[in-house]
N, C-alpha and C. Protein backbone atom coordinates (compact mmCIF):
# COMPACT_ATOMS: atom_id res chain seq x y z
N MET A 1 -17.43 -47.19 -15.52
CA MET A 1 -16.00 -47.39 -15.63
C MET A 1 -15.40 -47.35 -14.23
N THR A 2 -14.60 -48.30 -13.91
CA THR A 2 -13.95 -48.33 -12.60
C THR A 2 -12.59 -47.67 -12.67
N ARG A 3 -12.22 -47.07 -11.55
CA ARG A 3 -10.93 -46.40 -11.49
C ARG A 3 -9.89 -47.34 -10.90
N THR A 4 -8.67 -47.19 -11.36
CA THR A 4 -7.58 -48.00 -10.83
C THR A 4 -7.15 -47.45 -9.48
N LYS A 5 -6.29 -48.18 -8.81
CA LYS A 5 -5.81 -47.77 -7.50
C LYS A 5 -5.02 -46.46 -7.59
N VAL A 6 -4.24 -46.29 -8.62
CA VAL A 6 -3.45 -45.06 -8.81
C VAL A 6 -4.38 -43.88 -9.05
N GLN A 7 -5.43 -44.08 -9.84
CA GLN A 7 -6.36 -43.00 -10.11
C GLN A 7 -7.12 -42.59 -8.85
N ARG A 8 -7.44 -43.53 -7.99
CA ARG A 8 -8.13 -43.19 -6.74
C ARG A 8 -7.24 -42.42 -5.78
N GLN A 9 -5.94 -42.64 -5.82
CA GLN A 9 -5.02 -41.97 -4.92
C GLN A 9 -4.60 -40.60 -5.45
N THR A 10 -4.80 -40.33 -6.70
CA THR A 10 -4.41 -39.06 -7.30
C THR A 10 -5.60 -38.11 -7.25
N ALA A 11 -5.34 -36.88 -6.87
CA ALA A 11 -6.41 -35.88 -6.83
C ALA A 11 -6.89 -35.59 -8.24
N ALA A 12 -8.18 -35.32 -8.35
CA ALA A 12 -8.76 -35.05 -9.66
C ALA A 12 -8.19 -33.76 -10.25
N THR A 13 -8.02 -32.75 -9.41
CA THR A 13 -7.47 -31.47 -9.85
C THR A 13 -6.33 -31.10 -8.92
N ARG A 14 -5.21 -30.75 -9.47
CA ARG A 14 -4.07 -30.37 -8.65
C ARG A 14 -4.23 -28.93 -8.17
N VAL A 15 -3.58 -28.62 -7.08
CA VAL A 15 -3.65 -27.28 -6.51
C VAL A 15 -3.09 -26.25 -7.48
N ASP A 16 -2.02 -26.61 -8.17
CA ASP A 16 -1.43 -25.69 -9.14
C ASP A 16 -2.41 -25.35 -10.26
N ASP A 17 -3.22 -26.33 -10.67
CA ASP A 17 -4.21 -26.08 -11.71
C ASP A 17 -5.29 -25.11 -11.22
N VAL A 18 -5.71 -25.28 -9.97
CA VAL A 18 -6.74 -24.39 -9.42
C VAL A 18 -6.19 -22.97 -9.30
N GLU A 19 -4.95 -22.83 -8.82
CA GLU A 19 -4.37 -21.49 -8.69
C GLU A 19 -4.19 -20.84 -10.05
N ARG A 20 -3.84 -21.62 -11.06
CA ARG A 20 -3.68 -21.06 -12.39
C ARG A 20 -5.04 -20.63 -12.96
N MET A 21 -6.10 -21.40 -12.67
CA MET A 21 -7.44 -21.06 -13.17
C MET A 21 -7.96 -19.78 -12.54
N PHE A 22 -7.76 -19.62 -11.24
CA PHE A 22 -8.32 -18.48 -10.54
C PHE A 22 -7.33 -17.33 -10.36
N GLY A 23 -6.15 -17.46 -10.90
CA GLY A 23 -5.20 -16.36 -10.87
C GLY A 23 -4.61 -16.08 -9.51
N ALA A 24 -4.45 -17.09 -8.68
CA ALA A 24 -3.86 -16.88 -7.36
C ALA A 24 -2.39 -16.54 -7.51
N ARG A 25 -1.92 -15.65 -6.64
CA ARG A 25 -0.52 -15.24 -6.69
C ARG A 25 0.26 -15.94 -5.59
N ARG A 26 1.39 -16.46 -5.94
CA ARG A 26 2.27 -17.09 -4.98
C ARG A 26 3.50 -16.23 -4.79
N TYR A 27 4.04 -16.28 -3.59
CA TYR A 27 5.27 -15.57 -3.33
C TYR A 27 6.42 -16.37 -3.93
N GLN A 28 7.19 -15.75 -4.79
CA GLN A 28 8.34 -16.39 -5.41
C GLN A 28 9.60 -15.84 -4.75
N PRO A 29 10.30 -16.64 -3.94
CA PRO A 29 11.46 -16.12 -3.23
C PRO A 29 12.59 -15.72 -4.16
N GLY A 30 12.68 -16.28 -5.35
CA GLY A 30 13.75 -15.94 -6.28
C GLY A 30 13.54 -14.58 -6.94
N ALA A 31 12.30 -14.13 -7.01
CA ALA A 31 12.00 -12.87 -7.68
C ALA A 31 12.09 -11.73 -6.68
N ALA A 32 13.26 -11.12 -6.59
CA ALA A 32 13.46 -10.01 -5.66
C ALA A 32 12.97 -8.71 -6.31
N GLU A 33 12.13 -7.99 -5.58
CA GLU A 33 11.61 -6.75 -6.10
C GLU A 33 12.50 -5.60 -5.66
N SER A 34 12.68 -4.65 -6.54
CA SER A 34 13.41 -3.46 -6.17
C SER A 34 12.43 -2.44 -5.60
N ALA A 35 12.96 -1.48 -4.88
CA ALA A 35 12.12 -0.46 -4.26
C ALA A 35 11.61 0.50 -5.33
N LEU A 36 10.35 0.89 -5.20
CA LEU A 36 9.77 1.88 -6.10
C LEU A 36 10.07 3.26 -5.54
N THR A 37 10.73 4.10 -6.32
CA THR A 37 11.09 5.45 -5.88
C THR A 37 10.21 6.46 -6.58
N ILE A 38 9.54 7.30 -5.79
CA ILE A 38 8.71 8.38 -6.32
C ILE A 38 9.29 9.69 -5.79
N ARG A 39 9.65 10.57 -6.68
CA ARG A 39 10.31 11.81 -6.28
C ARG A 39 9.62 12.99 -6.95
N VAL A 40 9.46 14.06 -6.19
CA VAL A 40 8.92 15.29 -6.75
C VAL A 40 9.83 16.44 -6.31
N ASP A 41 10.26 17.24 -7.30
CA ASP A 41 11.12 18.39 -7.01
C ASP A 41 10.34 19.69 -6.94
N GLY A 42 9.18 19.72 -7.52
CA GLY A 42 8.32 20.90 -7.50
C GLY A 42 6.99 20.53 -8.14
N GLY A 43 5.94 21.21 -7.76
CA GLY A 43 4.63 20.88 -8.30
C GLY A 43 3.95 19.79 -7.51
N THR A 44 3.04 19.07 -8.18
CA THR A 44 2.27 18.02 -7.53
C THR A 44 2.37 16.74 -8.34
N ARG A 45 2.52 15.63 -7.65
CA ARG A 45 2.52 14.32 -8.31
C ARG A 45 1.64 13.39 -7.52
N ARG A 46 0.79 12.64 -8.25
CA ARG A 46 -0.16 11.72 -7.62
C ARG A 46 0.02 10.31 -8.17
N THR A 47 -0.21 9.34 -7.32
CA THR A 47 -0.28 7.93 -7.75
C THR A 47 -1.68 7.45 -7.43
N ASP A 48 -2.65 7.84 -8.25
CA ASP A 48 -4.04 7.51 -7.95
C ASP A 48 -4.66 6.54 -8.94
N ASP A 49 -3.88 6.01 -9.88
CA ASP A 49 -4.40 5.02 -10.81
C ASP A 49 -4.25 3.63 -10.22
N ASP A 50 -4.61 2.62 -11.00
CA ASP A 50 -4.38 1.23 -10.58
C ASP A 50 -2.88 0.96 -10.65
N TRP A 51 -2.31 0.56 -9.53
CA TRP A 51 -0.89 0.24 -9.50
C TRP A 51 -0.66 -0.84 -8.47
N THR A 52 0.42 -1.57 -8.63
CA THR A 52 0.76 -2.67 -7.73
C THR A 52 1.75 -2.15 -6.69
N VAL A 53 1.44 -2.41 -5.43
CA VAL A 53 2.27 -1.91 -4.33
C VAL A 53 3.44 -2.86 -4.11
N PRO A 54 4.68 -2.34 -4.15
CA PRO A 54 5.83 -3.20 -3.87
C PRO A 54 6.04 -3.35 -2.37
N LYS A 55 7.01 -4.16 -2.00
CA LYS A 55 7.33 -4.37 -0.58
C LYS A 55 7.92 -3.10 0.03
N LYS A 56 8.75 -2.38 -0.74
CA LYS A 56 9.40 -1.17 -0.25
C LYS A 56 9.11 -0.02 -1.21
N LEU A 57 8.76 1.12 -0.63
CA LEU A 57 8.43 2.31 -1.39
C LEU A 57 9.24 3.47 -0.83
N VAL A 58 9.89 4.23 -1.70
CA VAL A 58 10.67 5.40 -1.29
C VAL A 58 9.98 6.63 -1.85
N ALA A 59 9.57 7.55 -0.95
CA ALA A 59 8.88 8.78 -1.36
C ALA A 59 9.73 9.98 -0.95
N GLU A 60 10.09 10.81 -1.92
CA GLU A 60 10.90 11.99 -1.65
C GLU A 60 10.19 13.22 -2.20
N ALA A 61 10.08 14.25 -1.36
CA ALA A 61 9.48 15.52 -1.78
C ALA A 61 10.42 16.64 -1.36
N VAL A 62 11.20 17.13 -2.32
CA VAL A 62 12.11 18.23 -2.03
C VAL A 62 11.30 19.49 -1.81
N SER A 63 10.47 19.84 -2.77
CA SER A 63 9.47 20.89 -2.62
C SER A 63 8.30 20.50 -3.51
N GLY A 64 7.13 20.85 -3.12
CA GLY A 64 5.95 20.42 -3.85
C GLY A 64 5.16 19.40 -3.04
N LYS A 65 4.24 18.74 -3.70
CA LYS A 65 3.34 17.82 -3.01
C LYS A 65 3.36 16.46 -3.70
N LEU A 66 3.51 15.42 -2.91
CA LEU A 66 3.48 14.05 -3.40
C LEU A 66 2.35 13.32 -2.71
N VAL A 67 1.38 12.84 -3.51
CA VAL A 67 0.22 12.13 -2.98
C VAL A 67 0.33 10.67 -3.40
N VAL A 68 0.45 9.79 -2.40
CA VAL A 68 0.51 8.35 -2.65
C VAL A 68 -0.84 7.78 -2.23
N ASP A 69 -1.65 7.40 -3.23
CA ASP A 69 -3.02 6.95 -3.00
C ASP A 69 -3.08 5.43 -3.08
N PHE A 70 -3.41 4.79 -1.96
CA PHE A 70 -3.49 3.34 -1.90
C PHE A 70 -4.92 2.84 -2.09
N THR A 71 -5.90 3.71 -2.34
CA THR A 71 -7.30 3.28 -2.39
C THR A 71 -7.58 2.40 -3.61
N ARG A 72 -6.93 2.64 -4.74
CA ARG A 72 -7.16 1.83 -5.93
C ARG A 72 -5.97 0.94 -6.26
N ALA A 73 -5.05 0.80 -5.32
CA ALA A 73 -3.85 -0.01 -5.55
C ALA A 73 -4.12 -1.48 -5.29
N ARG A 74 -3.38 -2.33 -5.98
CA ARG A 74 -3.45 -3.76 -5.75
C ARG A 74 -2.33 -4.13 -4.79
N CYS A 75 -2.71 -4.65 -3.64
CA CYS A 75 -1.72 -4.95 -2.61
C CYS A 75 -1.95 -6.37 -2.11
N SER A 76 -0.93 -7.21 -2.24
CA SER A 76 -1.03 -8.59 -1.78
C SER A 76 -0.15 -8.82 -0.55
N ARG A 77 0.33 -7.77 0.06
CA ARG A 77 1.24 -7.89 1.19
C ARG A 77 0.55 -7.49 2.48
N ARG A 78 1.06 -8.03 3.59
CA ARG A 78 0.53 -7.68 4.91
C ARG A 78 1.24 -6.46 5.47
N GLU A 79 2.50 -6.22 5.09
CA GLU A 79 3.26 -5.06 5.56
C GLU A 79 3.94 -4.40 4.38
N ILE A 80 3.94 -3.08 4.41
CA ILE A 80 4.58 -2.28 3.38
C ILE A 80 5.53 -1.32 4.08
N ASP A 81 6.77 -1.27 3.61
CA ASP A 81 7.76 -0.35 4.17
C ASP A 81 7.84 0.88 3.28
N VAL A 82 7.59 2.05 3.86
CA VAL A 82 7.66 3.31 3.13
C VAL A 82 8.73 4.17 3.79
N GLN A 83 9.69 4.60 2.99
CA GLN A 83 10.73 5.49 3.49
C GLN A 83 10.47 6.87 2.91
N VAL A 84 10.34 7.88 3.78
CA VAL A 84 10.01 9.22 3.34
C VAL A 84 11.18 10.16 3.61
N ALA A 85 11.29 11.17 2.76
CA ALA A 85 12.24 12.26 2.95
C ALA A 85 11.55 13.51 2.43
N ALA A 86 11.07 14.34 3.35
CA ALA A 86 10.35 15.55 2.96
C ALA A 86 11.20 16.76 3.34
N GLY A 87 11.68 17.46 2.34
CA GLY A 87 12.45 18.68 2.59
C GLY A 87 11.50 19.80 2.95
N ALA A 88 11.11 20.58 1.96
CA ALA A 88 10.11 21.63 2.18
C ALA A 88 8.78 21.23 1.55
N GLY A 89 8.65 19.99 1.15
CA GLY A 89 7.45 19.52 0.48
C GLY A 89 6.52 18.77 1.41
N ALA A 90 5.45 18.26 0.82
CA ALA A 90 4.44 17.52 1.58
C ALA A 90 4.26 16.15 0.96
N ILE A 91 4.19 15.14 1.82
CA ILE A 91 3.91 13.77 1.39
C ILE A 91 2.62 13.34 2.08
N VAL A 92 1.62 12.99 1.28
CA VAL A 92 0.31 12.59 1.80
C VAL A 92 0.07 11.14 1.42
N LEU A 93 -0.20 10.30 2.41
CA LEU A 93 -0.52 8.89 2.19
C LEU A 93 -2.02 8.71 2.39
N ILE A 94 -2.73 8.31 1.34
CA ILE A 94 -4.18 8.11 1.41
C ILE A 94 -4.44 6.61 1.41
N VAL A 95 -5.09 6.13 2.47
CA VAL A 95 -5.31 4.69 2.62
C VAL A 95 -6.81 4.40 2.72
N PRO A 96 -7.23 3.19 2.34
CA PRO A 96 -8.63 2.80 2.54
C PRO A 96 -8.92 2.56 4.01
N ARG A 97 -10.17 2.61 4.37
CA ARG A 97 -10.55 2.30 5.75
C ARG A 97 -10.24 0.84 6.05
N GLY A 98 -9.69 0.60 7.23
CA GLY A 98 -9.30 -0.74 7.61
C GLY A 98 -7.80 -0.96 7.57
N TRP A 99 -7.07 -0.13 6.83
CA TRP A 99 -5.62 -0.21 6.81
C TRP A 99 -5.07 0.58 7.99
N ARG A 100 -3.84 0.28 8.39
CA ARG A 100 -3.17 1.02 9.47
C ARG A 100 -1.89 1.63 8.94
N VAL A 101 -1.52 2.78 9.50
CA VAL A 101 -0.28 3.46 9.16
C VAL A 101 0.48 3.72 10.45
N ASP A 102 1.75 3.32 10.47
CA ASP A 102 2.61 3.51 11.63
C ASP A 102 3.62 4.60 11.30
N LEU A 103 3.44 5.79 11.89
CA LEU A 103 4.34 6.92 11.64
C LEU A 103 5.28 7.19 12.81
N GLU A 104 5.42 6.22 13.72
CA GLU A 104 6.23 6.43 14.92
C GLU A 104 7.72 6.58 14.61
N SER A 105 8.19 6.01 13.51
CA SER A 105 9.62 6.04 13.19
C SER A 105 10.02 7.24 12.34
N VAL A 106 9.12 8.17 12.11
CA VAL A 106 9.44 9.36 11.33
C VAL A 106 9.92 10.45 12.29
N THR A 107 11.09 11.00 12.02
CA THR A 107 11.63 12.06 12.88
C THR A 107 11.32 13.42 12.27
N PRO A 108 10.52 14.22 12.96
CA PRO A 108 10.22 15.55 12.45
C PRO A 108 11.30 16.55 12.87
N GLY A 109 11.85 17.26 11.91
CA GLY A 109 12.78 18.33 12.23
C GLY A 109 11.97 19.55 12.63
N ALA A 110 11.83 20.48 11.71
CA ALA A 110 10.95 21.62 11.92
C ALA A 110 9.61 21.39 11.25
N GLY A 111 9.40 20.19 10.72
CA GLY A 111 8.18 19.87 9.99
C GLY A 111 7.11 19.25 10.86
N THR A 112 6.09 18.74 10.19
CA THR A 112 4.92 18.18 10.87
C THR A 112 4.69 16.75 10.42
N VAL A 113 4.35 15.90 11.38
CA VAL A 113 3.96 14.52 11.09
C VAL A 113 2.56 14.34 11.67
N ALA A 114 1.59 14.01 10.82
CA ALA A 114 0.19 13.88 11.27
C ALA A 114 -0.38 12.55 10.80
N ASN A 115 -0.97 11.82 11.73
CA ASN A 115 -1.61 10.54 11.40
C ASN A 115 -3.10 10.67 11.70
N ARG A 116 -3.91 10.73 10.65
CA ARG A 116 -5.36 10.84 10.79
C ARG A 116 -6.04 9.49 10.66
N VAL A 117 -5.27 8.41 10.52
CA VAL A 117 -5.81 7.07 10.38
C VAL A 117 -5.99 6.51 11.79
N LYS A 118 -7.23 6.50 12.26
CA LYS A 118 -7.51 6.14 13.66
C LYS A 118 -8.31 4.86 13.84
N LEU A 119 -9.01 4.40 12.81
CA LEU A 119 -9.84 3.21 12.96
C LEU A 119 -8.98 1.97 13.16
N PRO A 120 -9.52 0.94 13.83
CA PRO A 120 -8.73 -0.29 14.01
C PRO A 120 -8.50 -1.00 12.68
N ARG A 121 -7.43 -1.75 12.64
CA ARG A 121 -7.04 -2.47 11.43
C ARG A 121 -7.93 -3.69 11.24
N PHE A 122 -8.43 -3.88 10.01
CA PHE A 122 -9.22 -5.05 9.69
C PHE A 122 -8.31 -6.27 9.64
N PRO A 123 -8.82 -7.46 9.95
CA PRO A 123 -7.99 -8.66 9.84
C PRO A 123 -7.57 -8.90 8.40
N GLY A 124 -6.28 -9.08 8.20
CA GLY A 124 -5.75 -9.31 6.87
C GLY A 124 -5.43 -8.05 6.10
N ALA A 125 -5.75 -6.89 6.64
CA ALA A 125 -5.47 -5.64 5.96
C ALA A 125 -3.99 -5.27 6.14
N PRO A 126 -3.43 -4.53 5.20
CA PRO A 126 -2.01 -4.19 5.29
C PRO A 126 -1.70 -3.17 6.39
N LEU A 127 -0.46 -3.22 6.84
CA LEU A 127 0.10 -2.25 7.76
C LEU A 127 1.22 -1.53 7.03
N ILE A 128 1.17 -0.21 7.01
CA ILE A 128 2.19 0.58 6.34
C ILE A 128 3.12 1.13 7.41
N ARG A 129 4.39 0.72 7.37
CA ARG A 129 5.39 1.21 8.31
C ARG A 129 6.19 2.30 7.61
N VAL A 130 6.14 3.51 8.18
CA VAL A 130 6.79 4.66 7.57
C VAL A 130 8.01 5.03 8.39
N THR A 131 9.15 5.19 7.73
CA THR A 131 10.38 5.63 8.37
C THR A 131 10.93 6.81 7.57
N GLY A 132 11.81 7.57 8.18
CA GLY A 132 12.44 8.68 7.48
C GLY A 132 12.45 9.94 8.31
N GLU A 133 12.64 11.05 7.62
CA GLU A 133 12.72 12.33 8.32
C GLU A 133 12.03 13.43 7.53
N VAL A 134 11.62 14.45 8.28
CA VAL A 134 10.94 15.61 7.71
C VAL A 134 11.73 16.84 8.13
N ASP A 135 12.23 17.61 7.16
CA ASP A 135 12.99 18.82 7.50
C ASP A 135 12.03 19.96 7.88
N SER A 136 11.40 20.55 6.88
CA SER A 136 10.43 21.61 7.16
C SER A 136 9.12 21.35 6.42
N GLY A 137 8.90 20.16 6.03
CA GLY A 137 7.70 19.81 5.27
C GLY A 137 6.66 19.11 6.12
N VAL A 138 5.80 18.34 5.46
CA VAL A 138 4.69 17.67 6.13
C VAL A 138 4.62 16.24 5.63
N VAL A 139 4.41 15.30 6.55
CA VAL A 139 4.06 13.93 6.21
C VAL A 139 2.74 13.65 6.90
N LYS A 140 1.74 13.28 6.10
CA LYS A 140 0.39 13.11 6.63
C LYS A 140 -0.21 11.82 6.08
N ALA A 141 -0.89 11.07 6.94
CA ALA A 141 -1.63 9.87 6.53
C ALA A 141 -3.10 10.12 6.84
N ARG A 142 -3.95 9.84 5.85
CA ARG A 142 -5.39 10.08 6.04
C ARG A 142 -6.19 9.13 5.18
N TYR A 143 -7.50 9.12 5.44
CA TYR A 143 -8.42 8.36 4.62
C TYR A 143 -8.81 9.19 3.40
N ALA A 144 -9.41 8.54 2.42
CA ALA A 144 -9.88 9.24 1.23
C ALA A 144 -11.11 10.06 1.59
N TYR A 145 -11.19 11.25 1.04
CA TYR A 145 -12.37 12.08 1.24
C TYR A 145 -13.51 11.53 0.40
N ARG A 146 -14.72 11.70 0.90
CA ARG A 146 -15.90 11.29 0.15
C ARG A 146 -16.84 12.48 0.03
N SER A 147 -17.45 12.61 -1.11
CA SER A 147 -18.43 13.67 -1.30
C SER A 147 -19.68 13.32 -0.48
N PRO A 148 -20.53 14.30 -0.19
CA PRO A 148 -21.75 13.99 0.57
C PRO A 148 -22.64 12.96 -0.12
N LEU A 149 -22.67 12.96 -1.45
CA LEU A 149 -23.48 11.99 -2.17
C LEU A 149 -22.92 10.58 -1.98
N LEU A 150 -21.60 10.43 -2.10
CA LEU A 150 -20.99 9.13 -1.87
C LEU A 150 -21.11 8.71 -0.42
N TRP A 151 -21.09 9.68 0.48
CA TRP A 151 -21.22 9.36 1.89
C TRP A 151 -22.62 8.81 2.18
N LEU A 152 -23.64 9.40 1.55
CA LEU A 152 -25.01 8.92 1.74
C LEU A 152 -25.20 7.53 1.12
N ARG A 153 -24.51 7.27 0.02
CA ARG A 153 -24.62 5.96 -0.62
C ARG A 153 -23.79 4.90 0.09
N ARG A 154 -22.90 5.30 0.97
CA ARG A 154 -21.97 4.41 1.67
C ARG A 154 -21.00 3.74 0.70
N ALA A 155 -20.71 4.42 -0.38
CA ALA A 155 -19.78 3.87 -1.36
C ALA A 155 -18.35 4.09 -0.90
N ARG A 156 -17.47 3.20 -1.36
CA ARG A 156 -16.02 3.28 -1.12
C ARG A 156 -15.74 2.99 0.28
């Protein structure tokens, strides 16, 4: 069977069809995302399940501990803005190896700001920009801990 001139000029599969088949995500400028606010007034709160990372994240710890775990999160962005407010509480950001955390814009009052993320950023990996203030609490960025067995297996 011979193809007509129109059929030869038309692609066999459109790009939209391929993206729909493989589940590619496109940025939709009309869909504005609101900031995800995580607040803890006392006790401990963790975000360690599968979750989608928004463009802007607001983390507040009046007292208690807030752990924001990015190791199992789905992130399609190159930069993430995190605004922190730590009163007498602690905010811990756990990132996978290869990600970078920028804590230069956090103003420590009587509190502590610690960045344990020292490895270079992998190409295409996200950068987390943290802004805000710490009164008498702690804001810390670190990698996930691994047990000795997982360390020997080189998992995660």
